[in-house]
Amino acid sequence: MSVTADLYIEVKNFYARQMRVLDDLDIERFTATFTEDGSVAHPHRGEKVEGREAMRTKMKSMLPMYEGLVTRHWFDHFLIEQAEGDGLRVTYYSLVTQTNTQDEVHFFSSSSVEDQMVREEGELRIRERVIHRDNPKYGRVI
């Protein structure tokens, strides 16, 4: 895929939709944005979850930590590049905020993210996501 203005907008809209379903804790719709064999890795905690079913299980186990909070994922500084075949490599920065019942907003995390995207049945999907938590001991990753 060449990165045209239309493709750039499509990718940005993909992320806007994906983060809304994540922030709404809609696990089914969120995991559907990945390929069936897609993966999410968190190298800073030595974790990689592979496949939609494993993602759903992991995410459901984490739901209690979001009770009483409104979580928002903020993505910016997108770099969208062609990858092998018809794929895309998308890198960006992510801030995650959480607001509690006292209207206090806290930063939960700051990360850089690498996604490998492909098109399946006309839809963009993520084949692989690697989330690098910002921490000076790891250095600049992206």
Protein backbone atom coordinates (compact mmCIF):
# COMPACT_ATOMS: atom_id res chain seq x y z
CA MET A 1 0.00 0.00 0.00
CA SER A 2 1.35 3.42 -0.83
CA VAL A 3 0.69 6.03 1.84
CA THR A 4 -1.67 8.46 0.14
CA ALA A 5 -3.59 11.24 1.89
CA ASP A 6 -6.71 9.05 1.76
CA LEU A 7 -4.87 6.12 3.37
CA TYR A 8 -3.43 8.41 6.06
CA ILE A 9 -6.95 9.58 6.94
CA GLU A 10 -8.24 6.00 6.89
CA VAL A 11 -5.51 4.92 9.33
CA LYS A 12 -6.20 7.86 11.67
CA ASN A 13 -9.94 7.06 11.62
CA PHE A 14 -9.13 3.41 12.35
CA TYR A 15 -7.32 4.44 15.53
CA ALA A 16 -10.07 6.87 16.55
CA ARG A 17 -12.64 4.06 16.31
CA GLN A 18 -10.36 1.50 17.94
CA MET A 19 -9.62 3.67 20.97
CA ARG A 20 -13.26 4.55 21.49
CA VAL A 21 -14.24 0.88 21.77
CA LEU A 22 -11.24 0.24 24.04
CA ASP A 23 -12.12 3.17 26.31
CA ASP A 24 -15.72 1.88 26.39
CA LEU A 25 -14.29 -1.49 27.53
CA ASP A 26 -15.92 -3.19 24.53
CA ILE A 27 -13.52 -6.11 24.40
CA GLU A 28 -15.22 -7.94 21.52
CA ARG A 29 -15.14 -4.96 19.17
CA PHE A 30 -11.61 -4.01 20.23
CA THR A 31 -10.15 -7.46 19.58
CA ALA A 32 -11.97 -7.57 16.20
CA THR A 33 -9.60 -4.77 15.08
CA PHE A 34 -6.76 -7.33 15.17
CA THR A 35 -6.16 -10.25 12.83
CA GLU A 36 -7.30 -13.58 14.28
CA ASP A 37 -3.64 -14.42 15.03
CA GLY A 38 -2.74 -10.85 16.02
CA SER A 39 -0.58 -10.08 19.02
CA VAL A 40 0.02 -7.39 21.63
CA ALA A 41 3.40 -7.23 23.38
CA HIS A 42 4.49 -5.26 26.44
CA PRO A 43 8.28 -5.81 26.52
CA HIS A 44 8.65 -3.75 29.72
CA ARG A 45 6.73 -6.44 31.59
CA GLY A 46 7.87 -9.41 29.50
CA GLU A 47 4.41 -10.11 28.14
CA LYS A 48 3.08 -11.05 24.71
CA VAL A 49 -0.52 -12.09 24.12
CA GLU A 50 -1.20 -13.88 20.84
CA GLY A 51 -4.57 -14.42 19.18
CA ARG A 52 -7.94 -12.74 19.66
CA GLU A 53 -9.19 -15.32 22.16
CA ALA A 54 -6.12 -14.89 24.39
CA MET A 55 -6.51 -11.10 24.12
CA ARG A 56 -10.15 -11.34 25.24
CA THR A 57 -9.22 -13.53 28.19
CA LYS A 58 -6.40 -11.21 29.28
CA MET A 59 -8.51 -8.07 28.92
CA LYS A 60 -11.46 -9.56 30.84
CA SER A 61 -9.10 -10.42 33.70
CA MET A 62 -8.03 -6.76 33.86
CA LEU A 63 -11.53 -5.21 33.95
CA PRO A 64 -11.63 -4.80 37.77
CA MET A 65 -8.73 -2.31 37.66
CA TYR A 66 -10.89 0.04 35.55
CA GLU A 67 -13.90 0.15 37.90
CA GLY A 68 -14.74 3.67 39.03
CA LEU A 69 -12.49 5.25 36.38
CA VAL A 70 -12.89 6.79 32.96
CA THR A 71 -9.88 5.83 30.86
CA ARG A 72 -8.86 7.65 27.69
CA HIS A 73 -6.12 6.71 25.23
CA TRP A 74 -4.54 9.69 23.44
CA PHE A 75 -2.50 8.93 20.31
CA ASP A 76 -0.40 11.41 18.33
CA HIS A 77 2.77 11.85 16.22
CA PHE A 78 1.82 9.15 13.73
CA LEU A 79 4.38 7.90 11.26
CA ILE A 80 2.74 5.68 8.65
CA GLU A 81 5.09 3.76 6.37
CA GLN A 82 4.78 1.00 3.81
CA ALA A 83 5.87 -2.39 5.07
CA GLU A 84 6.52 -5.64 3.25
CA GLY A 85 3.82 -6.70 0.83
CA ASP A 86 0.69 -4.64 1.23
CA GLY A 87 1.26 -4.00 4.93
CA LEU A 88 1.83 -0.83 6.89
CA ARG A 89 4.11 -0.01 9.80
CA VAL A 90 2.52 2.61 12.03
CA THR A 91 4.40 4.14 14.95
CA TYR A 92 3.00 6.72 17.34
CA TYR A 93 3.03 8.04 20.89
CA SER A 94 0.37 7.15 23.43
CA LEU A 95 -0.75 8.81 26.66
CA VAL A 96 -3.32 7.11 28.85
CA THR A 97 -5.31 9.20 31.31
CA GLN A 98 -7.71 8.08 34.01
CA THR A 99 -10.35 10.23 35.70
CA ASN A 100 -11.78 9.14 39.05
CA THR A 101 -15.11 9.95 40.71
CA GLN A 102 -13.59 13.09 42.29
CA ASP A 103 -12.91 14.49 38.78
CA GLU A 104 -9.16 14.03 39.30
CA VAL A 105 -7.22 13.23 36.13
CA HIS A 106 -4.06 11.15 36.41
CA PHE A 107 -1.58 10.05 33.79
CA PHE A 108 -1.53 6.26 33.77
CA SER A 109 1.17 5.73 31.16
CA SER A 110 3.24 7.26 28.39
CA SER A 111 4.43 4.94 25.63
CA SER A 112 5.60 4.62 22.07
CA VAL A 113 3.77 2.04 20.00
CA GLU A 114 4.64 0.04 16.88
CA ASP A 115 1.83 -1.56 14.87
CA GLN A 116 2.04 -3.82 11.83
CA MET A 117 -1.20 -3.39 9.89
CA VAL A 118 -2.69 -5.42 7.05
CA ARG A 119 -5.89 -5.28 5.09
CA GLU A 120 -8.32 -8.20 5.49
CA GLU A 121 -11.58 -8.32 3.56
CA GLY A 122 -11.18 -4.62 2.79
CA GLU A 123 -10.67 -3.61 6.44
CA LEU A 124 -7.48 -2.51 8.19
CA ARG A 125 -6.45 -4.79 11.03
CA ILE A 126 -3.47 -4.98 13.33
CA ARG A 127 -1.31 -8.07 13.00
CA GLU A 128 1.19 -7.08 15.67
CA ARG A 129 1.32 -4.34 18.31
CA VAL A 130 4.34 -3.64 20.51
CA ILE A 131 3.88 -1.12 23.33
CA HIS A 132 7.10 0.37 24.71
CA ARG A 133 6.52 2.02 28.09
CA ASP A 134 8.50 5.26 28.41
CA ASN A 135 11.24 4.83 30.97
CA PRO A 136 14.80 6.23 30.88
CA LYS A 137 16.26 2.81 31.73
CA TYR A 138 14.95 1.47 28.38
CA GLY A 139 16.12 4.48 26.36
CA ARG A 140 14.29 5.94 23.39
CA VAL A 141 12.66 3.09 21.51
CA ILE A 142 10.94 4.83 18.59
